[in-house]
């Protein structure tokens, strides 16, 4: 038997993985009113986010007050 792998054989080496850091979705600084009301993931694009743009709704960003608890 030879010590060399045969052609077509797959050798897995976990140290070769480039996924050293897990993918973490970016957090949007502020969601628009439509996405916040529907609890959708807002992409935060200005002047109109992807959800509002796709549906043809006006996209309104309102700052959240700091008095929330």
C-alpha atoms as a PDB file:
ATOM      1  CA  UNK A   1       0.000   0.000   0.000  1.00  0.00           C
ATOM      2  CA  UNK A   2       1.273   3.471  -0.787  1.00  0.00           C
ATOM      3  CA  UNK A   3       1.251   6.335   1.664  1.00  0.00           C
ATOM      4  CA  UNK A   4       0.010   8.815  -0.964  1.00  0.00           C
ATOM      5  CA  UNK A   5      -3.723   9.413  -1.341  1.00  0.00           C
ATOM      6  CA  UNK A   6      -5.245   8.205  -4.578  1.00  0.00           C
ATOM      7  CA  UNK A   7      -6.652  10.657  -7.056  1.00  0.00           C
ATOM      8  CA  UNK A   8     -10.275  11.485  -6.394  1.00  0.00           C
ATOM      9  CA  UNK A   9      -9.899  11.018  -2.647  1.00  0.00           C
ATOM     10  CA  UNK A  10     -10.819  13.984  -0.482  1.00  0.00           C
ATOM     11  CA  UNK A  11      -8.622  14.872   2.456  1.00  0.00           C
ATOM     12  CA  UNK A  12     -10.312  17.139   4.980  1.00  0.00           C
ATOM     13  CA  UNK A  13      -8.063  19.418   6.971  1.00  0.00           C
ATOM     14  CA  UNK A  14      -9.955  21.524   9.540  1.00  0.00           C
ATOM     15  CA  UNK A  15      -6.996  23.878   9.923  1.00  0.00           C
ATOM     16  CA  UNK A  16      -7.510  24.938   6.298  1.00  0.00           C
ATOM     17  CA  UNK A  17     -10.979  26.390   6.991  1.00  0.00           C
ATOM     18  CA  UNK A  18     -11.198  30.133   6.405  1.00  0.00           C
ATOM     19  CA  UNK A  19     -14.208  30.478   8.743  1.00  0.00           C
ATOM     20  CA  UNK A  20     -12.148  31.482  11.762  1.00  0.00           C
ATOM     21  CA  UNK A  21     -14.664  34.172  12.728  1.00  0.00           C
ATOM     22  CA  UNK A  22     -18.391  33.425  12.806  1.00  0.00           C
ATOM     23  CA  UNK A  23     -20.624  35.478  10.548  1.00  0.00           C
ATOM     24  CA  UNK A  24     -22.568  37.997  12.563  1.00  0.00           C
ATOM     25  CA  UNK A  25     -25.317  39.977  10.845  1.00  0.00           C
ATOM     26  CA  UNK A  26     -24.814  43.705  10.952  1.00  0.00           C
ATOM     27  CA  UNK A  27     -27.123  45.510  13.351  1.00  0.00           C
ATOM     28  CA  UNK A  28     -29.016  48.418  11.831  1.00  0.00           C
ATOM     29  CA  UNK A  29     -28.680  51.614  13.816  1.00  0.00           C
ATOM     30  CA  UNK A  30     -32.368  52.483  13.376  1.00  0.00           C
ATOM     31  CA  UNK A  31     -35.353  50.705  11.843  1.00  0.00           C
ATOM     32  CA  UNK A  32     -38.018  52.604   9.931  1.00  0.00           C
ATOM     33  CA  UNK A  33     -41.558  52.869  11.266  1.00  0.00           C
ATOM     34  CA  UNK A  34     -43.001  50.259   8.887  1.00  0.00           C
ATOM     35  CA  UNK A  35     -40.380  47.628   9.735  1.00  0.00           C
ATOM     36  CA  UNK A  36     -40.650  48.391  13.439  1.00  0.00           C
ATOM     37  CA  UNK A  37     -44.430  48.082  13.360  1.00  0.00           C
ATOM     38  CA  UNK A  38     -44.340  44.792  11.465  1.00  0.00           C
ATOM     39  CA  UNK A  39     -41.246  43.558  13.357  1.00  0.00           C
ATOM     40  CA  UNK A  40     -39.319  43.081  10.114  1.00  0.00           C
ATOM     41  CA  UNK A  41     -35.577  43.191   9.613  1.00  0.00           C
ATOM     42  CA  UNK A  42     -34.914  46.706   8.303  1.00  0.00           C
ATOM     43  CA  UNK A  43     -31.784  47.151   6.199  1.00  0.00           C
ATOM     44  CA  UNK A  44     -31.589  50.840   7.164  1.00  0.00           C
ATOM     45  CA  UNK A  45     -31.115  52.089   3.597  1.00  0.00           C
ATOM     46  CA  UNK A  46     -31.899  55.748   3.050  1.00  0.00           C
ATOM     47  CA  UNK A  47     -34.076  57.381   1.831  1.00  0.00           C
ATOM     48  CA  UNK A  48     -36.134  54.179   1.560  1.00  0.00           C
ATOM     49  CA  UNK A  49     -35.311  50.759   3.001  1.00  0.00           C
ATOM     50  CA  UNK A  50     -35.663  47.577   0.961  1.00  0.00           C
ATOM     51  CA  UNK A  51     -38.952  46.499   2.576  1.00  0.00           C
ATOM     52  CA  UNK A  52     -40.668  49.864   1.997  1.00  0.00           C
ATOM     53  CA  UNK A  53     -39.185  50.173  -1.475  1.00  0.00           C
ATOM     54  CA  UNK A  54     -40.449  46.716  -2.478  1.00  0.00           C
ATOM     55  CA  UNK A  55     -43.965  47.465  -1.195  1.00  0.00           C
ATOM     56  CA  UNK A  56     -44.111  51.088  -2.367  1.00  0.00           C
ATOM     57  CA  UNK A  57     -44.658  52.490   1.144  1.00  0.00           C
ATOM     58  CA  UNK A  58     -43.208  55.777   2.349  1.00  0.00           C
ATOM     59  CA  UNK A  59     -40.177  55.065   4.521  1.00  0.00           C
ATOM     60  CA  UNK A  60     -40.057  57.163   7.682  1.00  0.00           C
ATOM     61  CA  UNK A  61     -37.290  57.053  10.266  1.00  0.00           C
ATOM     62  CA  UNK A  62     -38.208  58.413  13.690  1.00  0.00           C
ATOM     63  CA  UNK A  63     -35.605  58.592  16.461  1.00  0.00           C
ATOM     64  CA  UNK A  64     -36.443  56.528  19.521  1.00  0.00           C
ATOM     65  CA  UNK A  65     -36.635  58.415  22.795  1.00  0.00           C
ATOM     66  CA  UNK A  66     -34.151  57.554  25.519  1.00  0.00           C
ATOM     67  CA  UNK A  67     -36.924  57.366  28.125  1.00  0.00           C
ATOM     68  CA  UNK A  68     -37.807  53.778  27.134  1.00  0.00           C
ATOM     69  CA  UNK A  69     -37.438  51.254  29.937  1.00  0.00           C
END
